[in-house]
Amino acid sequence: MARTVAVTGATGFVGGHVVEALGRAGWRIRILARRIPKFAEVAVETVIGSLDDGPALVRLVDGANAIVHAAGLVKARSTEEFFAANAQGTANLVSAAVSAGQRPRFLLLSSLAAREPQLSDYAASKRAGEAELVRLGQGLSWTVLRPPAVYGPGDREILGFFRTLRGGLAPVPSTADARLSLIHADDLAAAVAALLESPAAIGETYEIDDGHPGGHRWDEMVETAAGQLGVRPLRIKVPRLLLTGLAGLVVVGHRLAGSRPMLTPGKVREILHPDWVCHDSRVTAVTGWRPRFALAEGFAQTIAWYRQNRWL
């Protein structure tokens, strides 16, 4: 009989890749969603609900052999909204899993931002979600996975970066020495599937990336993407003061519109942080997983998908 994995965040960019990877690995998949979605490669059972819906969470985890918690907010209208989704939402799911009286594998897909919770409300809320898992999940076989920036087909966040380059401009932060790790969504999803099979990963927190030593410089990202797009954009270094001021204006505009801003003063502090490099190769050690996509190949595949789907 196929094992069942319960997945939250399945209708999101990363969650969608995770669902397809788990389907290929032979899992029977049950998801939590507000509507019934369609996946190209795998059939899923859908529990209609949300992370603040107790009865829905009970149905989601009932009989599950594993749980992958990929849901969360990356942008919010307030600190409280971040914590309600990323911390309390995690606590609600963990409590439901513990109350079910089973001992499923529980994988929390967190964020590398949780390593620096002082930088932003988002980072702090992701760290708080990890803390809730540790506090409440003593009856679970849990693992925390902290990916860096994730890109790949279907990602709308990095799409703006490619569109700006195609338009002839390459704005980059003024922190020339800053480095960051990246990972393709397919590689991240494959790592999730591998970790669910590894008893050695229980009770551990891992970072993960594309395997490039020392991460990537902003200029390297621009050069690689521009080469794949066939453009030679004008590079513009954006000073911290200008980026911070712009973020303030964005927040005011979204507050008036009642929407959620992505660029905030906290996000600026994240962008300008000098070290978003993953310093952890233990996922490979405990699972044998290795990333397939280096930066050039990953960008090429992502750009091809954008063009095929008329996003770019």
Protein backbone atom coordinates (compact mmCIF):
# COMPACT_ATOMS: atom_id res chain seq x y z
CA MET A 1 0.00 0.00 0.00
CA ALA A 2 1.31 3.43 -0.93
CA ARG A 3 2.34 5.66 1.93
CA THR A 4 0.44 8.93 2.42
CA VAL A 5 2.11 12.32 2.73
CA ALA A 6 0.14 15.40 3.80
CA VAL A 7 1.36 18.61 2.15
CA THR A 8 0.58 22.24 2.93
CA GLY A 9 1.39 25.06 0.52
CA ALA A 10 0.90 22.71 -2.42
CA THR A 11 -0.67 25.39 -4.63
CA GLY A 12 2.34 27.68 -4.23
CA PHE A 13 5.44 27.82 -6.41
CA VAL A 14 7.70 25.66 -4.22
CA GLY A 15 4.86 23.47 -2.96
CA GLY A 16 3.85 22.57 -6.49
CA HIS A 17 7.33 21.29 -7.27
CA VAL A 18 7.36 19.36 -3.99
CA VAL A 19 4.04 17.65 -4.78
CA GLU A 20 5.26 16.52 -8.19
CA ALA A 21 8.55 15.21 -6.75
CA LEU A 22 6.71 13.26 -4.05
CA GLY A 23 4.35 11.83 -6.64
CA ARG A 24 7.29 10.61 -8.71
CA ALA A 25 8.73 9.05 -5.55
CA GLY A 26 5.60 6.93 -5.12
CA TRP A 27 3.82 8.78 -2.32
CA ARG A 28 0.03 9.04 -2.12
CA ILE A 29 -0.53 12.77 -1.71
CA ARG A 30 -3.11 14.62 0.34
CA ILE A 31 -3.00 18.43 0.33
CA LEU A 32 -4.54 21.31 2.26
CA ALA A 33 -5.93 24.01 -0.02
CA ARG A 34 -8.69 26.59 -0.24
CA ARG A 35 -9.78 25.19 -3.60
CA ILE A 36 -9.26 22.01 -5.62
CA PRO A 37 -6.16 22.47 -7.82
CA LYS A 38 -4.91 20.52 -10.82
CA PHE A 39 -1.42 19.07 -11.13
CA ALA A 40 0.00 18.00 -14.46
CA GLU A 41 1.84 14.89 -13.31
CA VAL A 42 0.19 13.59 -10.15
CA ALA A 43 -3.24 12.93 -8.63
CA VAL A 44 -3.92 14.41 -5.21
CA GLU A 45 -6.59 14.22 -2.55
CA THR A 46 -7.62 17.71 -1.44
CA VAL A 47 -8.75 18.74 2.03
CA ILE A 48 -10.46 22.10 1.76
CA GLY A 49 -9.31 24.42 4.53
CA SER A 50 -6.47 26.49 5.93
CA LEU A 51 -3.91 26.43 8.73
CA ASP A 52 -6.35 28.09 11.15
CA ASP A 53 -9.06 25.49 10.44
CA GLY A 54 -8.72 22.83 13.15
CA PRO A 55 -11.11 20.21 11.72
CA ALA A 56 -9.45 20.51 8.28
CA LEU A 57 -6.01 19.94 9.83
CA VAL A 58 -7.31 16.83 11.60
CA ARG A 59 -8.57 15.45 8.27
CA LEU A 60 -5.30 16.38 6.57
CA VAL A 61 -3.03 14.47 8.95
CA ASP A 62 -5.34 11.51 9.65
CA GLY A 63 -3.39 8.35 8.80
CA ALA A 64 -0.54 10.28 7.16
CA ASN A 65 2.89 8.64 7.23
CA ALA A 66 4.59 11.97 6.62
CA ILE A 67 3.82 15.68 6.61
CA VAL A 68 5.55 18.36 4.54
CA HIS A 69 4.76 21.86 5.73
CA ALA A 70 5.57 24.15 2.81
CA ALA A 71 2.89 26.80 3.42
CA GLY A 72 3.77 30.28 4.60
CA LEU A 73 3.70 33.98 3.80
CA VAL A 74 6.63 35.73 2.11
CA LYS A 75 4.87 39.10 2.17
CA ALA A 76 2.35 40.47 4.64
CA ARG A 77 0.58 43.65 5.70
CA SER A 78 1.90 43.52 9.27
CA THR A 79 4.13 41.75 11.76
CA GLU A 80 1.07 40.04 13.21
CA GLU A 81 0.09 38.67 9.80
CA PHE A 82 3.55 37.15 9.30
CA PHE A 83 3.49 35.48 12.72
CA ALA A 84 -0.09 34.26 12.37
CA ALA A 85 0.83 32.38 9.18
CA ASN A 86 4.43 31.33 9.69
CA ALA A 87 4.54 30.70 13.44
CA GLN A 88 0.97 30.06 14.64
CA GLY A 89 0.12 28.19 11.44
CA THR A 90 3.03 25.85 12.07
CA ALA A 91 1.98 25.41 15.70
CA ASN A 92 -1.56 24.52 14.60
CA LEU A 93 -0.34 21.88 12.17
CA VAL A 94 2.14 20.36 14.63
CA SER A 95 -0.55 20.19 17.32
CA ALA A 96 -2.91 18.41 14.94
CA ALA A 97 -0.20 15.91 14.01
CA VAL A 98 0.65 15.20 17.66
CA SER A 99 -3.01 14.87 18.63
CA ALA A 100 -3.54 12.28 15.90
CA GLY A 101 -1.58 9.85 18.09
CA GLN A 102 0.79 8.80 15.32
CA ARG A 103 4.46 9.51 14.78
CA PRO A 104 4.67 10.74 11.19
CA ARG A 105 7.78 12.18 9.60
CA PHE A 106 7.34 15.94 9.74
CA LEU A 107 9.42 18.13 7.43
CA LEU A 108 9.19 21.89 7.92
CA LEU A 109 10.25 23.82 4.84
CA SER A 110 11.58 26.95 6.52
CA SER A 111 13.93 29.57 5.05
CA LEU A 112 17.59 30.52 5.25
CA ALA A 113 16.26 33.88 6.46
CA ALA A 114 15.49 32.17 9.79
CA ARG A 115 19.22 32.15 10.43
CA GLU A 116 19.06 35.97 10.83
CA PRO A 117 15.73 36.63 12.60
CA GLN A 118 16.74 40.17 13.60
CA LEU A 119 16.64 41.40 10.00
CA SER A 120 12.92 41.33 9.22
CA ASP A 121 9.47 40.29 10.38
CA TYR A 122 9.53 37.54 7.78
CA ALA A 123 12.82 36.12 9.06
CA ALA A 124 11.66 36.35 12.67
CA SER A 125 8.37 34.61 11.89
CA LYS A 126 10.11 31.75 10.10
CA ARG A 127 12.48 31.29 13.05
CA ALA A 128 9.46 31.35 15.36
CA GLY A 129 7.82 28.63 13.26
CA GLU A 130 10.89 26.44 13.76
CA ALA A 131 10.72 27.10 17.50
CA GLU A 132 7.05 26.05 17.58
CA LEU A 133 7.92 22.77 15.90
CA VAL A 134 10.62 22.04 18.46
CA ARG A 135 8.36 23.09 21.35
CA LEU A 136 5.26 21.15 20.34
CA GLY A 137 6.60 18.34 18.18
CA GLN A 138 8.24 16.08 20.73
CA GLY A 139 6.11 13.17 19.55
CA LEU A 140 7.09 13.67 15.91
CA SER A 141 10.08 12.63 13.82
CA TRP A 142 10.78 16.12 12.57
CA THR A 143 13.32 17.78 10.28
CA VAL A 144 13.76 21.46 9.40
CA LEU A 145 15.06 22.44 5.97
CA ARG A 146 16.26 26.01 5.31
CA PRO A 147 16.55 26.77 1.58
CA PRO A 148 18.00 30.04 0.26
CA ALA A 149 16.38 31.95 -2.62
CA VAL A 150 14.49 29.44 -4.77
CA TYR A 151 13.91 29.89 -8.50
CA GLY A 152 12.58 27.85 -11.39
CA PRO A 153 9.57 27.40 -13.68
CA GLY A 154 6.47 29.04 -12.24
CA ASP A 155 8.34 31.48 -9.99
CA ARG A 156 6.90 34.99 -10.21
CA GLU A 157 9.38 36.62 -7.81
CA ILE A 158 12.55 36.25 -9.89
CA LEU A 159 10.58 36.94 -13.07
CA GLY A 160 10.92 40.67 -12.44
CA PHE A 161 14.71 40.31 -12.35
CA PHE A 162 14.74 38.70 -15.79
CA ARG A 163 12.28 41.22 -17.23
CA THR A 164 14.38 44.13 -15.99
CA LEU A 165 17.51 42.66 -17.56
CA ARG A 166 15.69 42.07 -20.84
CA GLY A 167 14.68 45.73 -20.74
CA GLY A 168 18.34 46.75 -20.65
CA LEU A 169 18.87 47.57 -16.98
CA ALA A 170 20.67 45.64 -14.23
CA PRO A 171 20.08 47.29 -10.84
CA VAL A 172 22.17 45.62 -8.13
CA PRO A 173 22.65 46.44 -4.44
CA SER A 174 25.66 48.58 -3.59
CA THR A 175 27.04 45.84 -1.32
CA ALA A 176 29.52 44.56 -3.88
CA ASP A 177 30.97 41.85 -1.65
CA ALA A 178 27.63 40.32 -0.67
CA ARG A 179 27.15 36.69 -1.61
CA LEU A 180 24.07 34.51 -1.65
CA SER A 181 23.20 30.92 -2.31
CA LEU A 182 20.46 29.82 -4.69
CA ILE A 183 18.65 26.58 -5.47
CA HIS A 184 16.43 25.41 -8.30
CA ALA A 185 12.94 24.39 -7.21
CA ASP A 186 13.29 20.90 -8.71
CA ASP A 187 16.47 20.31 -6.71
CA LEU A 188 14.81 21.53 -3.52
CA ALA A 189 11.81 19.26 -4.11
CA ALA A 190 14.08 16.27 -4.72
CA ALA A 191 15.87 17.00 -1.43
CA VAL A 192 12.54 17.07 0.42
CA ALA A 193 11.65 13.65 -0.97
CA ALA A 194 15.09 12.31 -0.03
CA LEU A 195 14.96 13.65 3.53
CA LEU A 196 11.62 11.94 4.17
CA GLU A 197 13.41 8.63 3.60
CA SER A 198 16.35 9.36 5.93
CA PRO A 199 16.15 8.34 9.61
CA ALA A 200 19.47 10.11 10.14
CA ALA A 201 17.78 13.45 9.40
CA ILE A 202 15.36 13.28 12.34
CA GLY A 203 15.73 16.10 14.85
CA GLU A 204 18.07 18.08 12.61
CA THR A 205 18.01 21.50 10.93
CA TYR A 206 19.68 21.72 7.51
CA GLU A 207 20.65 24.40 5.04
CA ILE A 208 20.69 23.53 1.33
CA ASP A 209 21.88 25.14 -1.91
CA ASP A 210 22.98 24.47 -5.48
CA GLY A 211 26.41 23.27 -4.39
CA HIS A 212 28.33 26.29 -5.65
CA PRO A 213 31.13 26.97 -3.14
CA GLY A 214 30.85 30.39 -1.51
CA GLY A 215 27.51 31.21 -3.09
CA HIS A 216 27.02 33.74 -5.90
CA ARG A 217 27.77 37.43 -6.27
CA TRP A 218 25.06 39.74 -7.61
CA ASP A 219 27.27 40.55 -10.60
CA GLU A 220 27.61 36.83 -11.33
CA MET A 221 23.85 36.43 -11.34
CA VAL A 222 23.48 39.37 -13.72
CA GLU A 223 26.18 38.07 -16.06
CA THR A 224 24.70 34.58 -16.15
CA ALA A 225 21.11 35.71 -16.71
CA ALA A 226 22.08 38.35 -19.28
CA GLY A 227 24.03 35.74 -21.22
CA GLN A 228 21.03 33.43 -21.32
CA LEU A 229 18.76 36.30 -22.38
CA GLY A 230 21.21 37.51 -25.02
CA VAL A 231 21.36 41.09 -23.68
CA ARG A 232 24.01 43.47 -22.36
CA PRO A 233 22.21 45.52 -19.70
CA LEU A 234 23.43 48.73 -18.11
CA ARG A 235 24.53 48.00 -14.53
CA ILE A 236 23.28 50.39 -11.89
CA LYS A 237 24.40 50.15 -8.28
CA VAL A 238 21.52 51.09 -5.97
CA PRO A 239 22.65 52.80 -2.73
CA ARG A 240 21.25 51.59 0.58
CA LEU A 241 19.59 54.94 1.29
CA LEU A 242 17.75 54.92 -2.03
CA LEU A 243 16.62 51.32 -1.62
CA THR A 244 15.39 51.99 1.92
CA GLY A 245 13.52 55.10 0.84
CA LEU A 246 11.91 53.26 -2.05
CA ALA A 247 10.82 50.49 0.32
CA GLY A 248 9.16 53.04 2.58
CA LEU A 249 7.17 54.44 -0.34
CA VAL A 250 6.17 50.94 -1.45
CA VAL A 251 4.88 50.12 2.03
CA VAL A 252 2.78 53.30 2.16
CA GLY A 253 1.33 52.61 -1.28
CA HIS A 254 0.37 49.04 -0.43
CA ARG A 255 -1.06 50.09 2.93
CA LEU A 256 -3.37 52.53 1.15
CA ALA A 257 -4.35 49.83 -1.34
CA GLY A 258 -4.81 47.20 1.38
CA SER A 259 -2.35 44.84 -0.31
CA ARG A 260 0.85 43.08 0.75
CA PRO A 261 4.21 44.65 -0.18
CA MET A 262 7.24 42.55 -1.08
CA LEU A 263 9.79 45.36 -0.83
CA THR A 264 9.83 46.59 2.78
CA PRO A 265 12.57 48.04 5.01
CA GLY A 266 12.98 44.54 6.46
CA LYS A 267 13.34 43.04 2.99
CA VAL A 268 15.97 45.68 2.21
CA ARG A 269 17.94 44.58 5.27
CA GLU A 270 17.71 41.03 3.98
CA ILE A 271 18.87 42.04 0.49
CA LEU A 272 21.84 43.98 1.86
CA HIS A 273 22.93 41.32 4.33
CA PRO A 274 26.45 40.28 3.25
CA ASP A 275 26.22 36.53 3.87
CA TRP A 276 23.33 34.45 2.59
CA VAL A 277 25.66 31.57 1.78
CA CYS A 278 24.70 28.07 2.91
CA HIS A 279 27.43 26.58 5.07
CA ASP A 280 25.96 23.09 5.38
CA SER A 281 26.46 20.05 3.14
CA ARG A 282 24.94 17.49 5.51
CA VAL A 283 21.85 16.86 3.36
CA THR A 284 24.06 15.10 0.85
CA ALA A 285 25.81 13.20 3.63
CA VAL A 286 22.58 11.78 5.10
CA THR A 287 20.61 11.22 1.87
CA GLY A 288 23.00 11.03 -1.09
CA TRP A 289 21.04 13.87 -2.72
CA ARG A 290 22.96 16.18 -5.03
CA PRO A 291 21.72 19.23 -6.94
CA ARG A 292 21.30 18.83 -10.70
CA PHE A 293 21.12 22.49 -11.68
CA ALA A 294 24.11 24.81 -11.64
CA LEU A 295 23.28 28.50 -12.07
CA ALA A 296 23.71 28.68 -15.85
CA GLU A 297 21.67 25.53 -16.53
CA GLY A 298 19.01 26.52 -14.02
CA PHE A 299 18.60 30.03 -15.43
CA ALA A 300 18.51 28.68 -19.00
CA GLN A 301 15.78 26.18 -18.15
CA THR A 302 13.76 28.75 -16.22
CA ILE A 303 13.99 31.38 -18.98
CA ALA A 304 12.97 28.78 -21.57
CA TRP A 305 9.89 27.96 -19.47
CA TYR A 306 9.01 31.64 -19.14
CA ARG A 307 9.26 32.12 -22.87
CA GLN A 308 7.27 28.98 -23.65
CA ASN A 309 4.50 30.15 -21.32
CA ARG A 310 4.68 33.76 -22.58
CA TRP A 311 5.72 35.19 -19.23
CA LEU A 312 8.86 36.67 -20.75
